[in-house]
Amino acid sequence: MSRAPLCDAQTIDLAGDGESNDGPASVRLEAVTVNALAVAGNMPLDYDGAVDGLVGWYEVNILQGPGAFALEAQGFGDFARAMRVKLLREFSPLLLGAVGGGTRVR
């Protein structure tokens, strides 16, 4: 670790298609932003892992830190598009108005 360069920001990215079923109810990490990508919406009818309103659950239970946001992919076929949007947003300069709480992007 001593050879690692200094970072302007520390970000953890979470992507998933369901709610947590393991670990503590909530974890707060000092000076770390946690963003989320929820795979939901247009899932095949036989897929029973999708959770309606998953992006809202992520907003309440996962997001933390300055500028944190949640994105929603409309099924696994939409994952690549949503991931590109997410990465572009993470690498863009933080806008002063975005410093508040978490936000949802579709």
PDB file of N, CA and C in Angstrom:
ATOM      1  N   MET A   1       0.795  -1.187   0.000  1.00  0.00           N
ATOM      2  CA  MET A   1       0.000   0.000   0.000  1.00  0.00           C
ATOM      3  C   MET A   1       0.845   1.261   0.000  1.00  0.00           C
ATOM      4  N   SER A   2       2.020   1.236   0.586  1.00  0.00           N
ATOM      5  CA  SER A   2       2.828   2.445   0.693  1.00  0.00           C
ATOM      6  C   SER A   2       3.286   2.952  -0.677  1.00  0.00           C
ATOM      7  N   ARG A   3       3.253   2.110  -1.712  1.00  0.00           N
ATOM      8  CA  ARG A   3       3.675   2.519  -3.043  1.00  0.00           C
ATOM      9  C   ARG A   3       2.515   3.037  -3.875  1.00  0.00           C
ATOM     10  N   ALA A   4       1.311   2.958  -3.382  1.00  0.00           N
ATOM     11  CA  ALA A   4       0.146   3.416  -4.140  1.00  0.00           C
ATOM     12  C   ALA A   4       0.134   4.939  -4.217  1.00  0.00           C
ATOM     13  N   PRO A   5      -0.268   5.491  -5.371  1.00  0.00           N
ATOM     14  CA  PRO A   5      -0.332   6.948  -5.493  1.00  0.00           C
ATOM     15  C   PRO A   5      -1.493   7.510  -4.661  1.00  0.00           C
ATOM     16  N   LEU A   6      -1.376   8.786  -4.308  1.00  0.00           N
ATOM     17  CA  LEU A   6      -2.460   9.449  -3.599  1.00  0.00           C
ATOM     18  C   LEU A   6      -3.660   9.587  -4.533  1.00  0.00           C
ATOM     19  N   CYS A   7      -4.845   9.469  -3.982  1.00  0.00           N
ATOM     20  CA  CYS A   7      -6.076   9.564  -4.770  1.00  0.00           C
ATOM     21  C   CYS A   7      -6.866  10.796  -4.366  1.00  0.00           C
ATOM     22  N   ASP A   8      -7.476  11.454  -5.360  1.00  0.00           N
ATOM     23  CA  ASP A   8      -8.365  12.577  -5.067  1.00  0.00           C
ATOM     24  C   ASP A   8      -9.673  12.086  -4.473  1.00  0.00           C
ATOM     25  N   ALA A   9     -10.097  10.900  -4.886  1.00  0.00           N
ATOM     26  CA  ALA A   9     -11.382  10.368  -4.420  1.00  0.00           C
ATOM     27  C   ALA A   9     -11.306   8.859  -4.356  1.00  0.00           C
ATOM     28  N   GLN A  10     -12.057   8.286  -3.449  1.00  0.00           N
ATOM     29  CA  GLN A  10     -12.171   6.833  -3.342  1.00  0.00           C
ATOM     30  C   GLN A  10     -13.617   6.469  -3.621  1.00  0.00           C
ATOM     31  N   THR A  11     -13.818   5.579  -4.583  1.00  0.00           N
ATOM     32  CA  THR A  11     -15.171   5.207  -5.001  1.00  0.00           C
ATOM     33  C   THR A  11     -15.290   3.698  -5.055  1.00  0.00           C
ATOM     34  N   ILE A  12     -16.394   3.203  -4.532  1.00  0.00           N
ATOM     35  CA  ILE A  12     -16.751   1.788  -4.649  1.00  0.00           C
ATOM     36  C   ILE A  12     -17.965   1.728  -5.560  1.00  0.00           C
ATOM     37  N   ASP A  13     -17.928   0.836  -6.524  1.00  0.00           N
ATOM     38  CA  ASP A  13     -19.038   0.655  -7.454  1.00  0.00           C
ATOM     39  C   ASP A  13     -19.720  -0.664  -7.168  1.00  0.00           C
ATOM     40  N   LEU A  14     -21.025  -0.608  -7.015  1.00  0.00           N
ATOM     41  CA  LEU A  14     -21.808  -1.812  -6.787  1.00  0.00           C
ATOM     42  C   LEU A  14     -22.745  -2.000  -7.959  1.00  0.00           C
ATOM     43  N   ALA A  15     -22.787  -3.190  -8.515  1.00  0.00           N
ATOM     44  CA  ALA A  15     -23.743  -3.528  -9.569  1.00  0.00           C
ATOM     45  C   ALA A  15     -24.398  -4.839  -9.178  1.00  0.00           C
ATOM     46  N   GLY A  16     -25.710  -4.910  -9.334  1.00  0.00           N
ATOM     47  CA  GLY A  16     -26.389  -6.142  -8.977  1.00  0.00           C
ATOM     48  C   GLY A  16     -27.827  -6.170  -9.449  1.00  0.00           C
ATOM     49  N   ASP A  17     -28.440  -7.337  -9.264  1.00  0.00           N
ATOM     50  CA  ASP A  17     -29.830  -7.519  -9.678  1.00  0.00           C
ATOM     51  C   ASP A  17     -30.724  -7.911  -8.511  1.00  0.00           C
ATOM     52  N   GLY A  18     -30.265  -7.640  -7.283  1.00  0.00           N
ATOM     53  CA  GLY A  18     -31.073  -7.962  -6.115  1.00  0.00           C
ATOM     54  C   GLY A  18     -30.567  -7.254  -4.877  1.00  0.00           C
ATOM     55  N   GLU A  19     -31.331  -7.394  -3.826  1.00  0.00           N
ATOM     56  CA  GLU A  19     -30.960  -6.789  -2.551  1.00  0.00           C
ATOM     57  C   GLU A  19     -29.935  -7.667  -1.846  1.00  0.00           C
ATOM     58  N   SER A  20     -29.218  -7.074  -0.900  1.00  0.00           N
ATOM     59  CA  SER A  20     -28.213  -7.799  -0.141  1.00  0.00           C
ATOM     60  C   SER A  20     -28.883  -8.853   0.741  1.00  0.00           C
ATOM     61  N   ASN A  21     -28.285 -10.007   0.800  1.00  0.00           N
ATOM     62  CA  ASN A  21     -28.777 -11.039   1.703  1.00  0.00           C
ATOM     63  C   ASN A  21     -27.663 -11.537   2.616  1.00  0.00           C
ATOM     64  N   ASP A  22     -26.597 -10.733   2.709  1.00  0.00           N
ATOM     65  CA  ASP A  22     -25.456 -11.136   3.506  1.00  0.00           C
ATOM     66  C   ASP A  22     -24.785  -9.884   4.062  1.00  0.00           C
ATOM     67  N   GLY A  23     -24.208  -9.991   5.209  1.00  0.00           N
ATOM     68  CA  GLY A  23     -23.461  -8.877   5.777  1.00  0.00           C
ATOM     69  C   GLY A  23     -24.314  -7.974   6.639  1.00  0.00           C
ATOM     70  N   PRO A  24     -23.684  -6.910   7.153  1.00  0.00           N
ATOM     71  CA  PRO A  24     -24.399  -6.003   8.059  1.00  0.00           C
ATOM     72  C   PRO A  24     -25.491  -5.227   7.331  1.00  0.00           C
ATOM     73  N   ALA A  25     -26.455  -4.739   8.089  1.00  0.00           N
ATOM     74  CA  ALA A  25     -27.564  -3.983   7.511  1.00  0.00           C
ATOM     75  C   ALA A  25     -27.064  -2.707   6.846  1.00  0.00           C
ATOM     76  N   SER A  26     -26.063  -2.068   7.419  1.00  0.00           N
ATOM     77  CA  SER A  26     -25.501  -0.871   6.798  1.00  0.00           C
ATOM     78  C   SER A  26     -24.042  -0.720   7.215  1.00  0.00           C
ATOM     79  N   VAL A  27     -23.257  -0.236   6.278  1.00  0.00           N
ATOM     80  CA  VAL A  27     -21.843   0.029   6.535  1.00  0.00           C
ATOM     81  C   VAL A  27     -21.562   1.438   6.040  1.00  0.00           C
ATOM     82  N   ARG A  28     -20.982   2.256   6.874  1.00  0.00           N
ATOM     83  CA  ARG A  28     -20.607   3.616   6.483  1.00  0.00           C
ATOM     84  C   ARG A  28     -19.088   3.682   6.404  1.00  0.00           C
ATOM     85  N   LEU A  29     -18.593   4.126   5.280  1.00  0.00           N
ATOM     86  CA  LEU A  29     -17.159   4.238   5.064  1.00  0.00           C
ATOM     87  C   LEU A  29     -16.794   5.716   4.994  1.00  0.00           C
ATOM     88  N   GLU A  30     -15.907   6.140   5.848  1.00  0.00           N
ATOM     89  CA  GLU A  30     -15.489   7.543   5.871  1.00  0.00           C
ATOM     90  C   GLU A  30     -14.770   7.913   4.573  1.00  0.00           C
ATOM     91  N   ALA A  31     -15.140   9.039   4.002  1.00  0.00           N
ATOM     92  CA  ALA A  31     -14.472   9.612   2.829  1.00  0.00           C
ATOM     93  C   ALA A  31     -14.504   8.705   1.602  1.00  0.00           C
ATOM     94  N   VAL A  32     -15.503   7.831   1.505  1.00  0.00           N
ATOM     95  CA  VAL A  32     -15.645   6.940   0.361  1.00  0.00           C
ATOM     96  C   VAL A  32     -17.020   7.160  -0.246  1.00  0.00           C
ATOM     97  N   THR A  33     -17.071   7.276  -1.572  1.00  0.00           N
ATOM     98  CA  THR A  33     -18.336   7.382  -2.288  1.00  0.00           C
ATOM     99  C   THR A  33     -18.712   5.996  -2.795  1.00  0.00           C
ATOM    100  N   VAL A  34     -19.969   5.617  -2.623  1.00  0.00           N
ATOM    101  CA  VAL A  34     -20.465   4.340  -3.123  1.00  0.00           C
ATOM    102  C   VAL A  34     -21.574   4.628  -4.129  1.00  0.00           C
ATOM    103  N   ASN A  35     -21.347   4.215  -5.378  1.00  0.00           N
ATOM    104  CA  ASN A  35     -22.329   4.350  -6.457  1.00  0.00           C
ATOM    105  C   ASN A  35     -22.912   2.979  -6.768  1.00  0.00           C
ATOM    106  N   ALA A  36     -24.089   2.965  -7.410  1.00  0.00           N
ATOM    107  CA  ALA A  36     -24.746   1.691  -7.682  1.00  0.00           C
ATOM    108  C   ALA A  36     -25.320   1.647  -9.092  1.00  0.00           C
ATOM    109  N   LEU A  37     -25.312   0.448  -9.664  1.00  0.00           N
ATOM    110  CA  LEU A  37     -25.949   0.166 -10.946  1.00  0.00           C
ATOM    111  C   LEU A  37     -26.902  -1.000 -10.720  1.00  0.00           C
ATOM    112  N   ALA A  38     -28.201  -0.722 -10.786  1.00  0.00           N
ATOM    113  CA  ALA A  38     -29.225  -1.737 -10.540  1.00  0.00           C
ATOM    114  C   ALA A  38     -29.672  -2.344 -11.861  1.00  0.00           C
ATOM    115  N   VAL A  39     -29.587  -3.659 -11.979  1.00  0.00           N
ATOM    116  CA  VAL A  39     -30.085  -4.366 -13.158  1.00  0.00           C
ATOM    117  C   VAL A  39     -31.507  -4.783 -12.822  1.00  0.00           C
ATOM    118  N   ALA A  40     -32.456  -4.152 -13.474  1.00  0.00           N
ATOM    119  CA  ALA A  40     -33.868  -4.387 -13.146  1.00  0.00           C
ATOM    120  C   ALA A  40     -34.693  -4.190 -14.405  1.00  0.00           C
ATOM    121  N   GLY A  41     -35.963  -3.899 -14.190  1.00  0.00           N
ATOM    122  CA  GLY A  41     -36.830  -3.540 -15.310  1.00  0.00           C
ATOM    123  C   GLY A  41     -37.135  -4.683 -16.233  1.00  0.00           C
ATOM    124  N   ASN A  42     -36.713  -4.583 -17.491  1.00  0.00           N
ATOM    125  CA  ASN A  42     -37.079  -5.483 -18.570  1.00  0.00           C
ATOM    126  C   ASN A  42     -36.458  -6.868 -18.459  1.00  0.00           C
ATOM    127  N   MET A  43     -36.713  -7.584 -17.403  1.00  0.00           N
ATOM    128  CA  MET A  43     -36.139  -8.917 -17.240  1.00  0.00           C
ATOM    129  C   MET A  43     -37.064  -9.936 -17.903  1.00  0.00           C
ATOM    130  N   PRO A  44     -36.523 -11.074 -18.356  1.00  0.00           N
ATOM    131  CA  PRO A  44     -37.379 -12.123 -18.905  1.00  0.00           C
ATOM    132  C   PRO A  44     -38.405 -12.567 -17.862  1.00  0.00           C
ATOM    133  N   LEU A  45     -39.562 -13.005 -18.335  1.00  0.00           N
ATOM    134  CA  LEU A  45     -40.635 -13.390 -17.415  1.00  0.00           C
ATOM    135  C   LEU A  45     -40.227 -14.521 -16.483  1.00  0.00           C
ATOM    136  N   ASP A  46     -39.329 -15.410 -16.930  1.00  0.00           N
ATOM    137  CA  ASP A  46     -38.939 -16.534 -16.080  1.00  0.00           C
ATOM    138  C   ASP A  46     -37.792 -16.186 -15.136  1.00  0.00           C
ATOM    139  N   TYR A  47     -37.319 -14.948 -15.166  1.00  0.00           N
ATOM    140  CA  TYR A  47     -36.226 -14.554 -14.288  1.00  0.00           C
ATOM    141  C   TYR A  47     -36.817 -14.063 -12.975  1.00  0.00           C
ATOM    142  N   ASP A  48     -36.562 -14.795 -11.894  1.00  0.00           N
ATOM    143  CA  ASP A  48     -37.185 -14.435 -10.618  1.00  0.00           C
ATOM    144  C   ASP A  48     -36.244 -13.695  -9.676  1.00  0.00           C
ATOM    145  N   GLY A  49     -35.055 -13.296 -10.139  1.00  0.00           N
ATOM    146  CA  GLY A  49     -34.129 -12.572  -9.285  1.00  0.00           C
ATOM    147  C   GLY A  49     -34.303 -11.065  -9.334  1.00  0.00           C
ATOM    148  N   ALA A  50     -35.062 -10.563 -10.329  1.00  0.00           N
ATOM    149  CA  ALA A  50     -35.240  -9.123 -10.469  1.00  0.00           C
ATOM    150  C   ALA A  50     -36.129  -8.593  -9.357  1.00  0.00           C
ATOM    151  N   VAL A  51     -35.800  -7.416  -8.892  1.00  0.00           N
ATOM    152  CA  VAL A  51     -36.567  -6.778  -7.831  1.00  0.00           C
ATOM    153  C   VAL A  51     -37.136  -5.473  -8.371  1.00  0.00           C
ATOM    154  N   ASP A  52     -38.473  -5.360  -8.388  1.00  0.00           N
ATOM    155  CA  ASP A  52     -39.081  -4.094  -8.796  1.00  0.00           C
ATOM    156  C   ASP A  52     -38.666  -3.015  -7.818  1.00  0.00           C
ATOM    157  N   GLY A  53     -38.296  -1.873  -8.332  1.00  0.00           N
ATOM    158  CA  GLY A  53     -37.881  -0.777  -7.467  1.00  0.00           C
ATOM    159  C   GLY A  53     -36.495  -0.945  -6.878  1.00  0.00           C
ATOM    160  N   LEU A  54     -35.677  -1.779  -7.486  1.00  0.00           N
ATOM    161  CA  LEU A  54     -34.345  -2.047  -6.940  1.00  0.00           C
ATOM    162  C   LEU A  54     -33.495  -0.781  -6.865  1.00  0.00           C
ATOM    163  N   VAL A  55     -33.578   0.085  -7.871  1.00  0.00           N
ATOM    164  CA  VAL A  55     -32.772   1.305  -7.851  1.00  0.00           C
ATOM    165  C   VAL A  55     -33.130   2.159  -6.634  1.00  0.00           C
ATOM    166  N   GLY A  56     -34.405   2.176  -6.246  1.00  0.00           N
ATOM    167  CA  GLY A  56     -34.824   2.887  -5.038  1.00  0.00           C
ATOM    168  C   GLY A  56     -34.242   2.258  -3.786  1.00  0.00           C
ATOM    169  N   TRP A  57     -34.197   0.927  -3.750  1.00  0.00           N
ATOM    170  CA  TRP A  57     -33.598   0.230  -2.600  1.00  0.00           C
ATOM    171  C   TRP A  57     -32.125   0.578  -2.500  1.00  0.00           C
ATOM    172  N   TYR A  58     -31.423   0.603  -3.660  1.00  0.00           N
ATOM    173  CA  TYR A  58     -30.006   0.974  -3.661  1.00  0.00           C
ATOM    174  C   TYR A  58     -29.825   2.403  -3.155  1.00  0.00           C
ATOM    175  N   GLU A  59     -30.712   3.319  -3.576  1.00  0.00           N
ATOM    176  CA  GLU A  59     -30.608   4.713  -3.129  1.00  0.00           C
ATOM    177  C   GLU A  59     -30.693   4.824  -1.609  1.00  0.00           C
ATOM    178  N   VAL A  60     -31.564   4.044  -1.008  1.00  0.00           N
ATOM    179  CA  VAL A  60     -31.764   4.108   0.442  1.00  0.00           C
ATOM    180  C   VAL A  60     -30.677   3.356   1.200  1.00  0.00           C
ATOM    181  N   ASN A  61     -30.241   2.223   0.695  1.00  0.00           N
ATOM    182  CA  ASN A  61     -29.374   1.319   1.456  1.00  0.00           C
ATOM    183  C   ASN A  61     -27.911   1.273   1.032  1.00  0.00           C
ATOM    184  N   ILE A  62     -27.578   1.770  -0.147  1.00  0.00           N
ATOM    185  CA  ILE A  62     -26.224   1.597  -0.680  1.00  0.00           C
ATOM    186  C   ILE A  62     -25.485   2.920  -0.855  1.00  0.00           C
ATOM    187  N   LEU A  63     -26.115   3.910  -1.461  1.00  0.00           N
ATOM    188  CA  LEU A  63     -25.424   5.156  -1.798  1.00  0.00           C
ATOM    189  C   LEU A  63     -24.874   5.851  -0.574  1.00  0.00           C
ATOM    190  N   GLN A  64     -23.691   6.392  -0.720  1.00  0.00           N
ATOM    191  CA  GLN A  64     -23.107   7.239   0.321  1.00  0.00           C
ATOM    192  C   GLN A  64     -21.975   8.047  -0.281  1.00  0.00           C
ATOM    193  N   GLY A  65     -21.680   9.151   0.337  1.00  0.00           N
ATOM    194  CA  GLY A  65     -20.562   9.994  -0.067  1.00  0.00           C
ATOM    195  C   GLY A  65     -20.958  11.088  -1.030  1.00  0.00           C
ATOM    196  N   PRO A  66     -20.035  12.014  -1.275  1.00  0.00           N
ATOM    197  CA  PRO A  66     -20.303  13.163  -2.132  1.00  0.00           C
ATOM    198  C   PRO A  66     -20.598  12.760  -3.568  1.00  0.00           C
ATOM    199  N   GLY A  67     -21.702  13.254  -4.101  1.00  0.00           N
ATOM    200  CA  GLY A  67     -22.059  12.995  -5.491  1.00  0.00           C
ATOM    201  C   GLY A  67     -22.504  11.575  -5.794  1.00  0.00           C
ATOM    202  N   ALA A  68     -22.784  10.761  -4.781  1.00  0.00           N
ATOM    203  CA  ALA A  68     -23.191   9.367  -5.010  1.00  0.00           C
ATOM    204  C   ALA A  68     -24.450   9.318  -5.862  1.00  0.00           C
ATOM    205  N   PHE A  69     -24.532   8.300  -6.730  1.00  0.00           N
ATOM    206  CA  PHE A  69     -25.701   8.168  -7.603  1.00  0.00           C
ATOM    207  C   PHE A  69     -25.980   6.707  -7.907  1.00  0.00           C
ATOM    208  N   ALA A  70     -27.224   6.455  -8.317  1.00  0.00           N
ATOM    209  CA  ALA A  70     -27.639   5.117  -8.738  1.00  0.00           C
ATOM    210  C   ALA A  70     -28.149   5.198 -10.166  1.00  0.00           C
ATOM    211  N   LEU A  71     -27.795   4.206 -10.955  1.00  0.00           N
ATOM    212  CA  LEU A  71     -28.274   4.071 -12.321  1.00  0.00           C
ATOM    213  C   LEU A  71     -29.078   2.784 -12.421  1.00  0.00           C
ATOM    214  N   GLU A  72     -29.976   2.743 -13.400  1.00  0.00           N
ATOM    215  CA  GLU A  72     -30.756   1.531 -13.616  1.00  0.00           C
ATOM    216  C   GLU A  72     -30.553   1.036 -15.031  1.00  0.00           C
ATOM    217  N   ALA A  73     -30.191  -0.233 -15.176  1.00  0.00           N
ATOM    218  CA  ALA A  73     -30.128  -0.899 -16.472  1.00  0.00           C
ATOM    219  C   ALA A  73     -31.431  -1.662 -16.634  1.00  0.00           C
ATOM    220  N   GLN A  74     -32.071  -1.515 -17.782  1.00  0.00           N
ATOM    221  CA  GLN A  74     -33.322  -2.216 -18.039  1.00  0.00           C
ATOM    222  C   GLN A  74     -33.023  -3.628 -18.533  1.00  0.00           C
ATOM    223  N   GLY A  75     -32.576  -4.472 -17.625  1.00  0.00           N
ATOM    224  CA  GLY A  75     -32.229  -5.846 -17.952  1.00  0.00           C
ATOM    225  C   GLY A  75     -30.756  -5.979 -18.304  1.00  0.00           C
ATOM    226  N   PHE A  76     -30.309  -7.221 -18.458  1.00  0.00           N
ATOM    227  CA  PHE A  76     -28.903  -7.475 -18.726  1.00  0.00           C
ATOM    228  C   PHE A  76     -28.477  -6.986 -20.106  1.00  0.00           C
ATOM    229  N   GLY A  77     -29.399  -6.937 -21.071  1.00  0.00           N
ATOM    230  CA  GLY A  77     -29.085  -6.428 -22.403  1.00  0.00           C
ATOM    231  C   GLY A  77     -28.760  -4.942 -22.402  1.00  0.00           C
ATOM    232  N   ASP A  78     -29.194  -4.231 -21.390  1.00  0.00           N
ATOM    233  CA  ASP A  78     -28.975  -2.789 -21.271  1.00  0.00           C
ATOM    234  C   ASP A  78     -27.784  -2.471 -20.367  1.00  0.00           C
ATOM    235  N   PHE A  79     -27.132  -3.494 -19.844  1.00  0.00           N
ATOM    236  CA  PHE A  79     -26.055  -3.298 -18.864  1.00  0.00           C
ATOM    237  C   PHE A  79     -24.886  -2.499 -19.447  1.00  0.00           C
ATOM    238  N   ALA A  80     -24.451  -2.820 -20.671  1.00  0.00           N
ATOM    239  CA  ALA A  80     -23.289  -2.143 -21.262  1.00  0.00           C
ATOM    240  C   ALA A  80     -23.562  -0.653 -21.421  1.00  0.00           C
ATOM    241  N   ARG A  81     -24.765  -0.283 -21.894  1.00  0.00           N
ATOM    242  CA  ARG A  81     -25.110   1.125 -22.051  1.00  0.00           C
ATOM    243  C   ARG A  81     -25.083   1.831 -20.703  1.00  0.00           C
ATOM    244  N   ALA A  82     -25.716   1.227 -19.693  1.00  0.00           N
ATOM    245  CA  ALA A  82     -25.787   1.832 -18.367  1.00  0.00           C
ATOM    246  C   ALA A  82     -24.387   1.959 -17.747  1.00  0.00           C
ATOM    247  N   MET A  83     -23.540   0.972 -17.960  1.00  0.00           N
ATOM    248  CA  MET A  83     -22.181   1.031 -17.423  1.00  0.00           C
ATOM    249  C   MET A  83     -21.387   2.161 -18.079  1.00  0.00           C
ATOM    250  N   ARG A  84     -21.545   2.357 -19.397  1.00  0.00           N
ATOM    251  CA  ARG A  84     -20.870   3.471 -20.070  1.00  0.00           C
ATOM    252  C   ARG A  84     -21.307   4.812 -19.480  1.00  0.00           C
ATOM    253  N   VAL A  85     -22.622   4.983 -19.293  1.00  0.00           N
ATOM    254  CA  VAL A  85     -23.146   6.219 -18.705  1.00  0.00           C
ATOM    255  C   VAL A  85     -22.561   6.419 -17.315  1.00  0.00           C
ATOM    256  N   LYS A  86     -22.517   5.336 -16.526  1.00  0.00           N
ATOM    257  CA  LYS A  86     -21.998   5.395 -15.162  1.00  0.00           C
ATOM    258  C   LYS A  86     -20.528   5.811 -15.152  1.00  0.00           C
ATOM    259  N   LEU A  87     -19.714   5.187 -15.992  1.00  0.00           N
ATOM    260  CA  LEU A  87     -18.286   5.511 -16.035  1.00  0.00           C
ATOM    261  C   LEU A  87     -18.051   6.939 -16.505  1.00  0.00           C
ATOM    262  N   LEU A  88     -18.800   7.382 -17.510  1.00  0.00           N
ATOM    263  CA  LEU A  88     -18.661   8.765 -17.971  1.00  0.00           C
ATOM    264  C   LEU A  88     -19.008   9.742 -16.855  1.00  0.00           C
ATOM    265  N   ARG A  89     -20.034   9.438 -16.099  1.00  0.00           N
ATOM    266  CA  ARG A  89     -20.414  10.328 -14.999  1.00  0.00           C
ATOM    267  C   ARG A  89     -19.343  10.322 -13.906  1.00  0.00           C
ATOM    268  N   GLU A  90     -18.789   9.170 -13.598  1.00  0.00           N
ATOM    269  CA  GLU A  90     -17.768   9.088 -12.543  1.00  0.00           C
ATOM    270  C   GLU A  90     -16.479   9.805 -12.932  1.00  0.00           C
ATOM    271  N   PHE A  91     -16.148   9.812 -14.213  1.00  0.00           N
ATOM    272  CA  PHE A  91     -14.914  10.450 -14.650  1.00  0.00           C
ATOM    273  C   PHE A  91     -15.098  11.914 -15.025  1.00  0.00           C
ATOM    274  N   SER A  92     -16.334  12.389 -15.025  1.00  0.00           N
ATOM    275  CA  SER A  92     -16.594  13.804 -15.296  1.00  0.00           C
ATOM    276  C   SER A  92     -16.345  14.599 -14.030  1.00  0.00           C
ATOM    277  N   PRO A  93     -15.998  15.869 -14.181  1.00  0.00           N
ATOM    278  CA  PRO A  93     -15.784  16.692 -12.989  1.00  0.00           C
ATOM    279  C   PRO A  93     -17.054  16.774 -12.151  1.00  0.00           C
ATOM    280  N   LEU A  94     -16.896  16.756 -10.838  1.00  0.00           N
ATOM    281  CA  LEU A  94     -18.020  16.869  -9.923  1.00  0.00           C
ATOM    282  C   LEU A  94     -18.562  18.292  -9.968  1.00  0.00           C
ATOM    283  N   LEU A  95     -19.857  18.422 -10.216  1.00  0.00           N
ATOM    284  CA  LEU A  95     -20.485  19.737 -10.246  1.00  0.00           C
ATOM    285  C   LEU A  95     -20.860  20.148  -8.839  1.00  0.00           C
ATOM    286  N   LEU A  96     -20.753  21.404  -8.545  1.00  0.00           N
ATOM    287  CA  LEU A  96     -21.029  21.900  -7.201  1.00  0.00           C
ATOM    288  C   LEU A  96     -22.435  21.536  -6.743  1.00  0.00           C
ATOM    289  N   GLY A  97     -23.431  21.581  -7.620  1.00  0.00           N
ATOM    290  CA  GLY A  97     -24.805  21.242  -7.250  1.00  0.00           C
ATOM    291  C   GLY A  97     -25.005  19.773  -6.974  1.00  0.00           C
ATOM    292  N   ALA A  98     -24.081  18.932  -7.378  1.00  0.00           N
ATOM    293  CA  ALA A  98     -24.210  17.485  -7.185  1.00  0.00           C
ATOM    294  C   ALA A  98     -23.581  17.004  -5.890  1.00  0.00           C
ATOM    295  N   VAL A  99     -23.029  17.895  -5.093  1.00  0.00           N
ATOM    296  CA  VAL A  99     -22.306  17.492  -3.892  1.00  0.00           C
ATOM    297  C   VAL A  99     -23.243  17.016  -2.787  1.00  0.00           C
ATOM    298  N   GLY A 100     -24.516  17.306  -2.864  1.00  0.00           N
ATOM    299  CA  GLY A 100     -25.474  16.923  -1.822  1.00  0.00           C
ATOM    300  C   GLY A 100     -25.621  15.421  -1.703  1.00  0.00           C
ATOM    301  N   GLY A 101     -26.833  14.946  -1.614  1.00  0.00           N
ATOM    302  CA  GLY A 101     -27.102  13.521  -1.446  1.00  0.00           C
ATOM    303  C   GLY A 101     -27.032  12.766  -2.746  1.00  0.00           C
ATOM    304  N   GLY A 102     -27.462  11.525  -2.697  1.00  0.00           N
ATOM    305  CA  GLY A 102     -27.449  10.673  -3.870  1.00  0.00           C
ATOM    306  C   GLY A 102     -28.540  11.039  -4.851  1.00  0.00           C
ATOM    307  N   THR A 103     -28.326  10.670  -6.107  1.00  0.00           N
ATOM    308  CA  THR A 103     -29.309  10.948  -7.145  1.00  0.00           C
ATOM    309  C   THR A 103     -29.510   9.721  -8.012  1.00  0.00           C
ATOM    310  N   ARG A 104     -30.660   9.680  -8.675  1.00  0.00           N
ATOM    311  CA  ARG A 104     -30.985   8.571  -9.561  1.00  0.00           C
ATOM    312  C   ARG A 104     -30.837   9.029 -10.995  1.00  0.00           C
ATOM    313  N   VAL A 105     -30.230   8.193 -11.830  1.00  0.00           N
ATOM    314  CA  VAL A 105     -30.093   8.460 -13.251  1.00  0.00           C
ATOM    315  C   VAL A 105     -30.615   7.246 -13.992  1.00  0.00           C
ATOM    316  N   ARG A 106     -31.382   7.458 -15.034  1.00  0.00           N
ATOM    317  CA  ARG A 106     -31.886   6.331 -15.841  1.00  0.00           C
ATOM    318  C   ARG A 106     -31.319   6.366 -17.218  1.00  0.00           C
TER     319      ARG A 106
END
